[in-house]
Amino acid sequence: MNNNEQRPGSGSDRAIEDGETYHHAEHGQIKVTGIWHQTQPLDTTRNIDDQNMIVVRYIPGEDGNWIDELAEPLDDFLDGID
């Protein structure tokens, strides 16, 4: 696992786990399908790397039916989940 410096003002130090389900403000219930730093997959992260962004991939679910996979930078993802 990669332990990067946390960016000041990131808004959250919440750990995100690959394979876990969260509530996203825009997409409702989502399931994390991957956390990536450059080309390395991560199992969990709460850190943000300013130079080499961490990206979270996830699948939104509507009424229990999972739809297309989406991705966004970790800081945007953290801002969107409850």
Protein backbone atom coordinates (compact mmCIF):
# COMPACT_ATOMS: atom_id res chain seq x y z
CA MET A 1 0.00 0.00 0.00
CA ASN A 2 1.20 3.51 -0.79
CA ASN A 3 1.25 5.96 2.14
CA ASN A 4 1.49 9.43 0.63
CA GLU A 5 1.51 12.75 2.42
CA GLN A 6 -1.99 14.06 3.01
CA ARG A 7 -2.72 17.29 1.20
CA PRO A 8 -3.63 20.13 3.59
CA GLY A 9 -7.27 21.07 3.34
CA SER A 10 -8.35 17.83 1.69
CA GLY A 11 -11.51 18.02 3.79
CA SER A 12 -11.46 14.46 5.08
CA ASP A 13 -9.14 11.86 6.50
CA ARG A 14 -11.71 9.10 6.00
CA ALA A 15 -10.28 5.79 4.79
CA ILE A 16 -11.74 4.42 1.56
CA GLU A 17 -11.67 0.65 1.08
CA ASP A 18 -11.71 -1.22 -2.23
CA GLY A 19 -14.85 -3.36 -2.51
CA GLU A 20 -16.81 -1.37 0.09
CA THR A 21 -20.16 0.36 -0.46
CA TYR A 22 -20.70 4.06 0.31
CA HIS A 23 -23.42 6.68 -0.18
CA HIS A 24 -22.47 9.27 -2.79
CA ALA A 25 -24.32 12.63 -2.82
CA GLU A 26 -24.76 12.61 -6.61
CA HIS A 27 -25.02 8.88 -7.41
CA GLY A 28 -26.62 7.34 -4.32
CA GLN A 29 -25.32 3.93 -3.25
CA ILE A 30 -21.99 3.13 -4.91
CA LYS A 31 -19.48 0.29 -4.69
CA VAL A 32 -15.74 1.01 -4.95
CA THR A 33 -14.21 -1.21 -7.63
CA GLY A 34 -10.66 0.11 -7.56
CA ILE A 35 -8.29 2.62 -5.99
CA TRP A 36 -5.31 3.56 -8.15
CA HIS A 37 -2.14 5.56 -7.58
CA GLN A 38 -0.40 5.89 -10.94
CA THR A 39 -0.47 2.26 -12.15
CA GLN A 40 -0.54 0.67 -8.69
CA PRO A 41 -3.80 -0.66 -7.24
CA LEU A 42 -4.41 0.09 -3.55
CA ASP A 43 -6.57 -1.78 -1.03
CA THR A 44 -7.29 1.34 1.02
CA THR A 45 -6.39 4.99 1.12
CA ARG A 46 -7.07 8.17 2.98
CA ASN A 47 -4.20 10.15 1.52
CA ILE A 48 -3.92 12.42 -1.48
CA ASP A 49 -0.75 12.83 -3.52
CA ASP A 50 -0.51 16.27 -5.14
CA GLN A 51 1.79 15.20 -7.99
CA ASN A 52 0.43 11.75 -8.83
CA MET A 53 -3.28 11.77 -8.22
CA ILE A 54 -5.12 8.85 -6.60
CA VAL A 55 -8.22 7.85 -8.59
CA VAL A 56 -11.22 5.96 -7.20
CA ARG A 57 -13.28 3.80 -9.57
CA TYR A 58 -16.83 2.94 -8.55
CA ILE A 59 -20.14 1.61 -9.79
CA PRO A 60 -23.32 3.52 -8.88
CA GLY A 61 -26.30 1.39 -7.94
CA GLU A 62 -29.90 2.29 -8.53
CA ASP A 63 -32.51 0.15 -6.77
CA GLY A 64 -29.86 -2.55 -6.33
CA ASN A 65 -29.02 -2.64 -10.06
CA TRP A 66 -25.41 -1.66 -10.65
CA ILE A 67 -24.69 0.51 -13.71
CA ASP A 68 -21.60 1.75 -15.60
CA GLU A 69 -18.32 2.21 -13.76
CA LEU A 70 -17.23 5.81 -13.04
CA ALA A 71 -13.95 7.29 -11.78
CA GLU A 72 -12.89 10.49 -10.08
CA PRO A 73 -9.95 11.89 -8.12
CA LEU A 74 -9.89 10.86 -4.46
CA ASP A 75 -10.47 14.40 -3.15
CA ASP A 76 -13.60 14.79 -5.31
CA PHE A 77 -14.79 11.33 -4.26
CA LEU A 78 -14.33 12.19 -0.57
CA ASP A 79 -16.30 15.41 -1.06
CA GLY A 80 -19.17 13.41 -2.63
CA ILE A 81 -19.65 10.67 -0.02
CA ASP A 82 -21.53 10.93 3.29
